[in-house]
C-alpha atoms as a PDB file:
ATOM      1  CA  MET A   1      -5.823  -5.337  80.520  1.00  0.00           C
ATOM      2  CA  LYS A   2      -2.875  -3.261  80.943  1.00  0.00           C
ATOM      3  CA  LYS A   3      -2.421  -0.837  83.611  1.00  0.00           C
ATOM      4  CA  VAL A   4      -0.470   2.376  82.554  1.00  0.00           C
ATOM      5  CA  GLN A   5      -0.050   5.993  83.779  1.00  0.00           C
ATOM      6  CA  SER A   6      -2.821   8.440  82.443  1.00  0.00           C
ATOM      7  CA  SER A   7      -0.170  10.143  80.302  1.00  0.00           C
ATOM      8  CA  ARG A   8       0.303   7.177  77.968  1.00  0.00           C
ATOM      9  CA  PHE A   9      -3.438   7.474  77.096  1.00  0.00           C
ATOM     10  CA  LYS A  10      -3.813   9.453  73.795  1.00  0.00           C
ATOM     11  CA  VAL A  11      -6.911  11.384  74.682  1.00  0.00           C
ATOM     12  CA  GLN A  12      -6.694  15.368  75.433  1.00  0.00           C
ATOM     13  CA  SER A  13      -6.805  16.216  78.903  1.00  0.00           C
ATOM     14  CA  SER A  14     -10.064  17.974  78.405  1.00  0.00           C
ATOM     15  CA  VAL A  15     -11.944  14.967  77.229  1.00  0.00           C
ATOM     16  CA  ILE A  16     -14.402  14.791  79.651  1.00  0.00           C
ATOM     17  CA  GLY A  17     -13.762  17.918  81.014  1.00  0.00           C
ATOM     18  CA  LEU A  18     -16.401  19.264  80.797  1.00  0.00           C
ATOM     19  CA  LEU A  19     -18.807  21.558  81.311  1.00  0.00           C
ATOM     20  CA  ILE A  20     -21.298  26.962  80.023  1.00  0.00           C
ATOM     21  CA  ILE A  21     -21.635  30.900  79.120  1.00  0.00           C
ATOM     22  CA  ILE A  22     -21.739  32.905  81.844  1.00  0.00           C
ATOM     23  CA  SER A  23     -18.631  34.949  83.600  1.00  0.00           C
ATOM     24  CA  LEU A  24     -18.248  35.057  87.236  1.00  0.00           C
ATOM     25  CA  ALA A  25     -20.001  37.897  88.230  1.00  0.00           C
ATOM     26  CA  VAL A  26     -19.345  40.261  91.479  1.00  0.00           C
ATOM     27  CA  SER A  27     -21.782  39.173  94.647  1.00  0.00           C
ATOM     28  CA  THR A  28     -25.117  41.492  94.181  1.00  0.00           C
ATOM     29  CA  GLY A  29     -25.778  40.999  97.952  1.00  0.00           C
ATOM     30  CA  ALA A  30     -28.658  39.163  97.439  1.00  0.00           C
ATOM     31  CA  SER A  31     -30.788  38.377 100.495  1.00  0.00           C
ATOM     32  CA  GLY A  32     -30.117  34.900 102.153  1.00  0.00           C
ATOM     33  CA  ALA A  33     -33.787  34.212 101.401  1.00  0.00           C
ATOM     34  CA  GLY A  34     -33.420  34.560  97.727  1.00  0.00           C
ATOM     35  CA  VAL A  35     -30.571  32.267  97.857  1.00  0.00           C
ATOM     36  CA  ASP A  36     -32.359  29.680  99.988  1.00  0.00           C
ATOM     37  CA  GLU A  37     -35.408  29.981  97.897  1.00  0.00           C
ATOM     38  CA  LEU A  38     -33.511  29.171  94.526  1.00  0.00           C
ATOM     39  CA  VAL A  39     -31.565  26.465  95.992  1.00  0.00           C
ATOM     40  CA  GLY A  40     -35.057  25.077  97.517  1.00  0.00           C
ATOM     41  CA  ARG A  41     -36.710  25.113  93.878  1.00  0.00           C
ATOM     42  CA  ILE A  42     -33.161  23.302  92.170  1.00  0.00           C
ATOM     43  CA  GLN A  43     -33.746  20.553  94.971  1.00  0.00           C
ATOM     44  CA  LYS A  44     -36.853  20.186  94.630  1.00  0.00           C
ATOM     45  CA  GLU A  45     -37.226  19.718  91.155  1.00  0.00           C
ATOM     46  CA  PHE A  46     -34.121  17.324  90.948  1.00  0.00           C
ATOM     47  CA  SER A  47     -35.948  15.070  93.846  1.00  0.00           C
ATOM     48  CA  ARG A  48     -38.068  14.407  91.393  1.00  0.00           C
ATOM     49  CA  ILE A  49     -36.089  13.465  88.445  1.00  0.00           C
ATOM     50  CA  LYS A  50     -35.316   9.761  87.972  1.00  0.00           C
ATOM     51  CA  ASP A  51     -33.775  10.585  84.595  1.00  0.00           C
ATOM     52  CA  ILE A  52     -32.792  13.123  82.009  1.00  0.00           C
ATOM     53  CA  SER A  53     -31.535  13.429  78.744  1.00  0.00           C
ATOM     54  CA  GLY A  54     -30.592  16.370  76.514  1.00  0.00           C
ATOM     55  CA  THR A  55     -28.200  18.247  74.504  1.00  0.00           C
ATOM     56  CA  PHE A  56     -25.050  20.438  75.144  1.00  0.00           C
ATOM     57  CA  SER A  57     -22.718  23.070  73.852  1.00  0.00           C
ATOM     58  CA  GLN A  58     -19.169  23.123  75.741  1.00  0.00           C
ATOM     59  CA  SER A  59     -16.637  25.599  75.574  1.00  0.00           C
ATOM     60  CA  SER A  60     -13.456  25.102  77.072  1.00  0.00           C
ATOM     61  CA  TYR A  61     -10.628  27.761  78.066  1.00  0.00           C
ATOM     62  CA  ILE A  62      -7.538  25.871  78.797  1.00  0.00           C
ATOM     63  CA  LYS A  63      -4.820  28.560  80.114  1.00  0.00           C
ATOM     64  CA  ASP A  64      -1.736  26.742  79.646  1.00  0.00           C
ATOM     65  CA  ILE A  65      -2.228  26.940  76.072  1.00  0.00           C
ATOM     66  CA  GLU A  66      -4.314  30.054  76.026  1.00  0.00           C
ATOM     67  CA  GLN A  67      -6.615  28.530  73.814  1.00  0.00           C
ATOM     68  CA  THR A  68     -10.772  27.724  73.552  1.00  0.00           C
ATOM     69  CA  GLN A  69     -12.071  24.739  72.364  1.00  0.00           C
ATOM     70  CA  LYS A  70     -15.620  24.484  71.714  1.00  0.00           C
ATOM     71  CA  TYR A  71     -17.638  21.269  71.314  1.00  0.00           C
ATOM     72  CA  SER A  72     -21.137  19.736  71.462  1.00  0.00           C
ATOM     73  CA  GLY A  73     -23.184  16.200  71.577  1.00  0.00           C
ATOM     74  CA  ARG A  74     -25.655  14.830  73.863  1.00  0.00           C
ATOM     75  CA  PHE A  75     -26.211  13.495  77.497  1.00  0.00           C
ATOM     76  CA  PHE A  76     -28.067  11.122  79.394  1.00  0.00           C
ATOM     77  CA  ILE A  77     -28.357  10.575  83.266  1.00  0.00           C
ATOM     78  CA  LYS A  78     -30.458   8.345  84.919  1.00  0.00           C
ATOM     79  CA  LYS A  79     -30.533   7.845  88.932  1.00  0.00           C
ATOM     80  CA  PRO A  80     -28.467   6.632  90.601  1.00  0.00           C
ATOM     81  CA  SER A  81     -25.085   7.224  89.460  1.00  0.00           C
ATOM     82  CA  ARG A  82     -25.607   6.210  85.637  1.00  0.00           C
ATOM     83  CA  MET A  83     -24.439   8.668  82.668  1.00  0.00           C
ATOM     84  CA  MET A  84     -23.267   8.613  79.134  1.00  0.00           C
ATOM     85  CA  TRP A  85     -21.789  11.795  77.641  1.00  0.00           C
ATOM     86  CA  GLU A  86     -21.081  12.050  73.752  1.00  0.00           C
ATOM     87  CA  TYR A  87     -19.428  14.125  71.625  1.00  0.00           C
ATOM     88  CA  SER A  88     -20.482  14.856  68.013  1.00  0.00           C
ATOM     89  CA  SER A  89     -17.922  15.026  65.229  1.00  0.00           C
ATOM     90  CA  PRO A  90     -15.679  15.948  64.408  1.00  0.00           C
ATOM     91  CA  ARG A  91     -14.531  15.149  68.356  1.00  0.00           C
ATOM     92  CA  ASP A  92     -15.351  11.365  68.784  1.00  0.00           C
ATOM     93  CA  GLU A  93     -14.910  10.485  72.407  1.00  0.00           C
ATOM     94  CA  LYS A  94     -17.777   8.798  74.426  1.00  0.00           C
ATOM     95  CA  VAL A  95     -18.093   8.586  78.494  1.00  0.00           C
ATOM     96  CA  ILE A  96     -19.822   6.160  80.439  1.00  0.00           C
ATOM     97  CA  ILE A  97     -20.414   6.423  84.429  1.00  0.00           C
ATOM     98  CA  ASN A  98     -22.022   3.339  85.911  1.00  0.00           C
ATOM     99  CA  ASN A  99     -21.709   3.733  89.378  1.00  0.00           C
ATOM    100  CA  THR A 100     -17.811   3.693  90.310  1.00  0.00           C
ATOM    101  CA  ASP A 101     -16.659   2.625  87.227  1.00  0.00           C
ATOM    102  CA  THR A 102     -15.922   5.090  84.761  1.00  0.00           C
ATOM    103  CA  TRP A 103     -15.544   4.423  80.674  1.00  0.00           C
ATOM    104  CA  ILE A 104     -13.722   6.623  77.978  1.00  0.00           C
ATOM    105  CA  TYR A 105     -13.903   5.261  74.446  1.00  0.00           C
ATOM    106  CA  LYS A 106     -11.609   7.192  71.596  1.00  0.00           C
ATOM    107  CA  LYS A 107     -13.205   5.940  68.676  1.00  0.00           C
ATOM    108  CA  SER A 108     -10.727   6.864  66.215  1.00  0.00           C
ATOM    109  CA  LEU A 109      -7.899   5.495  68.034  1.00  0.00           C
ATOM    110  CA  ASN A 110     -10.034   2.552  69.143  1.00  0.00           C
ATOM    111  CA  GLN A 111      -8.970   2.830  72.512  1.00  0.00           C
ATOM    112  CA  VAL A 112     -10.730   2.694  76.002  1.00  0.00           C
ATOM    113  CA  MET A 113      -9.758   4.262  79.357  1.00  0.00           C
ATOM    114  CA  LYS A 114     -11.377   2.456  82.588  1.00  0.00           C
ATOM    115  CA  MET A 115     -11.150   4.072  85.766  1.00  0.00           C
ATOM    116  CA  LYS A 116     -12.854   4.656  89.353  1.00  0.00           C
ATOM    117  CA  PHE A 117     -15.106   7.589  89.708  1.00  0.00           C
ATOM    118  CA  THR A 118     -14.980   9.392  92.429  1.00  0.00           C
ATOM    119  CA  LYS A 119     -15.886  13.071  93.767  1.00  0.00           C
ATOM    120  CA  LYS A 120     -12.296  13.920  93.219  1.00  0.00           C
ATOM    121  CA  ALA A 121     -13.182  13.549  89.163  1.00  0.00           C
ATOM    122  CA  TYR A 122     -16.150  16.051  88.931  1.00  0.00           C
ATOM    123  CA  SER A 123     -13.161  18.631  87.626  1.00  0.00           C
ATOM    124  CA  GLN A 124     -12.831  16.586  85.246  1.00  0.00           C
ATOM    125  CA  VAL A 125     -16.301  15.036  84.562  1.00  0.00           C
ATOM    126  CA  PRO A 126     -18.841  18.211  85.382  1.00  0.00           C
ATOM    127  CA  ILE A 127     -21.429  16.765  83.936  1.00  0.00           C
ATOM    128  CA  ALA A 128     -21.608  14.347  86.547  1.00  0.00           C
ATOM    129  CA  LEU A 129     -22.528  16.979  89.274  1.00  0.00           C
ATOM    130  CA  LEU A 130     -25.735  17.027  87.551  1.00  0.00           C
ATOM    131  CA  ASP A 131     -26.489  13.823  89.352  1.00  0.00           C
ATOM    132  CA  SER A 132     -25.581  15.421  92.808  1.00  0.00           C
ATOM    133  CA  LEU A 133     -27.538  18.945  92.737  1.00  0.00           C
ATOM    134  CA  GLU A 134     -30.457  17.607  94.925  1.00  0.00           C
ATOM    135  CA  ASN A 135     -28.222  17.909  97.900  1.00  0.00           C
ATOM    136  CA  ILE A 136     -25.997  20.674  97.035  1.00  0.00           C
ATOM    137  CA  ARG A 137     -26.036  22.246 100.511  1.00  0.00           C
ATOM    138  CA  THR A 138     -23.879  19.164 101.736  1.00  0.00           C
ATOM    139  CA  ASP A 139     -20.979  20.120  99.343  1.00  0.00           C
ATOM    140  CA  PHE A 140     -20.978  23.681  98.930  1.00  0.00           C
ATOM    141  CA  ASP A 141     -21.262  27.124 100.062  1.00  0.00           C
ATOM    142  CA  ILE A 142     -23.463  29.085  98.192  1.00  0.00           C
ATOM    143  CA  SER A 143     -24.205  32.820  97.142  1.00  0.00           C
ATOM    144  CA  MET A 144     -26.034  34.590  94.873  1.00  0.00           C
ATOM    145  CA  THR A 145     -24.075  36.312  92.091  1.00  0.00           C
ATOM    146  CA  LYS A 146     -27.243  37.838  90.318  1.00  0.00           C
ATOM    147  CA  GLU A 147     -30.757  36.958  90.139  1.00  0.00           C
ATOM    148  CA  ASN A 148     -31.235  33.261  88.702  1.00  0.00           C
ATOM    149  CA  ALA A 149     -27.279  32.644  89.454  1.00  0.00           C
ATOM    150  CA  LEU A 150     -25.765  30.851  91.915  1.00  0.00           C
ATOM    151  CA  GLN A 151     -22.239  30.586  93.110  1.00  0.00           C
ATOM    152  CA  LEU A 152     -20.708  27.326  94.654  1.00  0.00           C
ATOM    153  CA  ARG A 153     -17.472  26.746  96.527  1.00  0.00           C
ATOM    154  CA  PRO A 154     -16.868  23.504  97.634  1.00  0.00           C
ATOM    155  CA  LYS A 155     -16.821  23.060 101.631  1.00  0.00           C
ATOM    156  CA  ARG A 156     -14.377  20.199 100.963  1.00  0.00           C
ATOM    157  CA  LYS A 157     -11.884  19.585  98.203  1.00  0.00           C
ATOM    158  CA  VAL A 158     -13.611  18.311  94.792  1.00  0.00           C
ATOM    159  CA  GLY A 159     -11.052  17.391  92.276  1.00  0.00           C
ATOM    160  CA  MET A 160      -9.651  20.925  90.995  1.00  0.00           C
ATOM    161  CA  ILE A 161     -12.784  22.592  91.220  1.00  0.00           C
ATOM    162  CA  LYS A 162     -12.192  26.144  92.690  1.00  0.00           C
ATOM    163  CA  THR A 163     -16.014  27.742  91.652  1.00  0.00           C
ATOM    164  CA  LEU A 164     -19.333  26.640  90.147  1.00  0.00           C
ATOM    165  CA  VAL A 165     -21.432  28.836  88.740  1.00  0.00           C
ATOM    166  CA  LEU A 166     -25.223  27.912  87.729  1.00  0.00           C
ATOM    167  CA  GLU A 167     -27.354  29.680  85.724  1.00  0.00           C
ATOM    168  CA  THR A 168     -31.023  28.871  86.433  1.00  0.00           C
ATOM    169  CA  VAL A 169     -34.224  29.109  84.626  1.00  0.00           C
ATOM    170  CA  PRO A 170     -37.727  29.859  86.235  1.00  0.00           C
ATOM    171  CA  GLU A 171     -39.422  26.855  84.740  1.00  0.00           C
ATOM    172  CA  GLY A 172     -39.192  23.382  83.621  1.00  0.00           C
ATOM    173  CA  PHE A 173     -35.537  21.613  84.315  1.00  0.00           C
ATOM    174  CA  PRO A 174     -33.769  24.422  86.700  1.00  0.00           C
ATOM    175  CA  VAL A 175     -30.199  24.543  85.174  1.00  0.00           C
ATOM    176  CA  LYS A 176     -29.530  26.334  81.802  1.00  0.00           C
ATOM    177  CA  MET A 177     -25.695  26.628  82.131  1.00  0.00           C
ATOM    178  CA  PHE A 178     -23.126  25.911  84.437  1.00  0.00           C
ATOM    179  CA  THR A 179     -19.360  27.055  84.448  1.00  0.00           C
ATOM    180  CA  ILE A 180     -16.533  25.472  86.357  1.00  0.00           C
ATOM    181  CA  PHE A 181     -13.512  27.531  87.114  1.00  0.00           C
ATOM    182  CA  ASP A 182     -10.470  25.359  88.360  1.00  0.00           C
ATOM    183  CA  THR A 183      -7.316  26.088  90.637  1.00  0.00           C
ATOM    184  CA  TYR A 184      -5.334  26.074  87.336  1.00  0.00           C
ATOM    185  CA  GLY A 185      -7.223  28.757  85.517  1.00  0.00           C
ATOM    186  CA  ASN A 186      -9.091  26.468  82.989  1.00  0.00           C
ATOM    187  CA  ILE A 187     -12.948  27.563  82.826  1.00  0.00           C
ATOM    188  CA  ILE A 188     -15.248  24.764  81.692  1.00  0.00           C
ATOM    189  CA  MET A 189     -18.408  26.129  80.433  1.00  0.00           C
ATOM    190  CA  ILE A 190     -21.757  24.159  79.352  1.00  0.00           C
ATOM    191  CA  GLU A 191     -25.300  25.469  78.215  1.00  0.00           C
ATOM    192  CA  LEU A 192     -27.725  22.374  78.204  1.00  0.00           C
ATOM    193  CA  ASP A 193     -30.647  22.244  75.858  1.00  0.00           C
ATOM    194  CA  ASN A 194     -33.545  19.844  74.339  1.00  0.00           C
ATOM    195  CA  ILE A 195     -34.101  18.478  78.018  1.00  0.00           C
ATOM    196  CA  LYS A 196     -36.274  15.620  78.726  1.00  0.00           C
ATOM    197  CA  ILE A 197     -37.067  14.398  81.842  1.00  0.00           C
ATOM    198  CA  ASN A 198     -38.319  11.105  83.380  1.00  0.00           C
ATOM    199  CA  SER A 199     -38.410   9.697  79.650  1.00  0.00           C
ATOM    200  CA  GLY A 200     -37.789   6.063  80.848  1.00  0.00           C
ATOM    201  CA  LEU A 201     -34.151   5.744  79.779  1.00  0.00           C
ATOM    202  CA  ASP A 202     -33.000   1.869  79.046  1.00  0.00           C
ATOM    203  CA  ASP A 203     -30.472   0.496  81.435  1.00  0.00           C
ATOM    204  CA  SER A 204     -28.520  -0.682  78.502  1.00  0.00           C
ATOM    205  CA  LEU A 205     -27.478   2.831  77.774  1.00  0.00           C
ATOM    206  CA  PHE A 206     -25.130   2.644  80.695  1.00  0.00           C
ATOM    207  CA  VAL A 207     -23.349  -0.437  80.096  1.00  0.00           C
ATOM    208  CA  PHE A 208     -20.214  -0.164  77.789  1.00  0.00           C
ATOM    209  CA  LYS A 209     -19.031  -3.009  75.858  1.00  0.00           C
ATOM    210  CA  ILE A 210     -15.518  -3.054  74.777  1.00  0.00           C
ATOM    211  CA  PRO A 211     -15.303  -2.862  71.243  1.00  0.00           C
ATOM    212  CA  PRO A 212     -13.609  -5.501  68.966  1.00  0.00           C
ATOM    213  CA  GLY A 213      -9.429  -5.067  68.785  1.00  0.00           C
ATOM    214  CA  ALA A 214      -9.983  -2.042  71.220  1.00  0.00           C
ATOM    215  CA  GLU A 215      -6.694  -1.321  73.328  1.00  0.00           C
ATOM    216  CA  VAL A 216      -7.604  -1.369  77.045  1.00  0.00           C
ATOM    217  CA  PHE A 217      -5.837   0.859  79.943  1.00  0.00           C
ATOM    218  CA  ASP A 218      -6.881   0.209  83.372  1.00  0.00           C
ATOM    219  CA  MET A 219      -6.374   2.897  85.622  1.00  0.00           C
ATOM    220  CA  GLY A 220      -7.041   1.450  88.632  1.00  0.00           C
ATOM    221  CA  GLU A 221      -7.930   3.301  91.938  1.00  0.00           C
END
């Protein structure tokens, strides 16, 4: 297994960038009680969730090239810390996170990148944030930008995330959209749909098997 710098891996910098169609609004001065109620509902819903699956639509604005890239696909999450994120054609990446191991597979090149997953990677793997919203007060300062929308600012460094905005819905899975604004001026927006909760996802979904002949780049820790 080779150890190389990430620049050698032929995957777009936004491969797992994830990520929601909502603009960062000016705070409406909502009461603390309103924030507490909404945060409490999100945390309560997440506490009862064992697994989640669904589809997503992603829009990523890359400031350096002043370009917006749009993708779609499906995702699967199973507590604790197991995730699979797969893009539909014509994009062909698959991402699997199993505890601290992350695998990124570029099908067209038959290339695999392996690396360790930590909170520092959230700006690159925003879908992973859905696995940690049960205790969002631990990691973020929270305010309300408008009704049913929360603005989260990291209390400590979380990758390159500057601000995270969640748009919620009153029933069912509480998060409908989320947007990540990073320190480089990039904006990753993701809308979730077709959500299924506690469907009994099999553990095998989160086990990555290296395809025959694939070139593997081990990024280490």
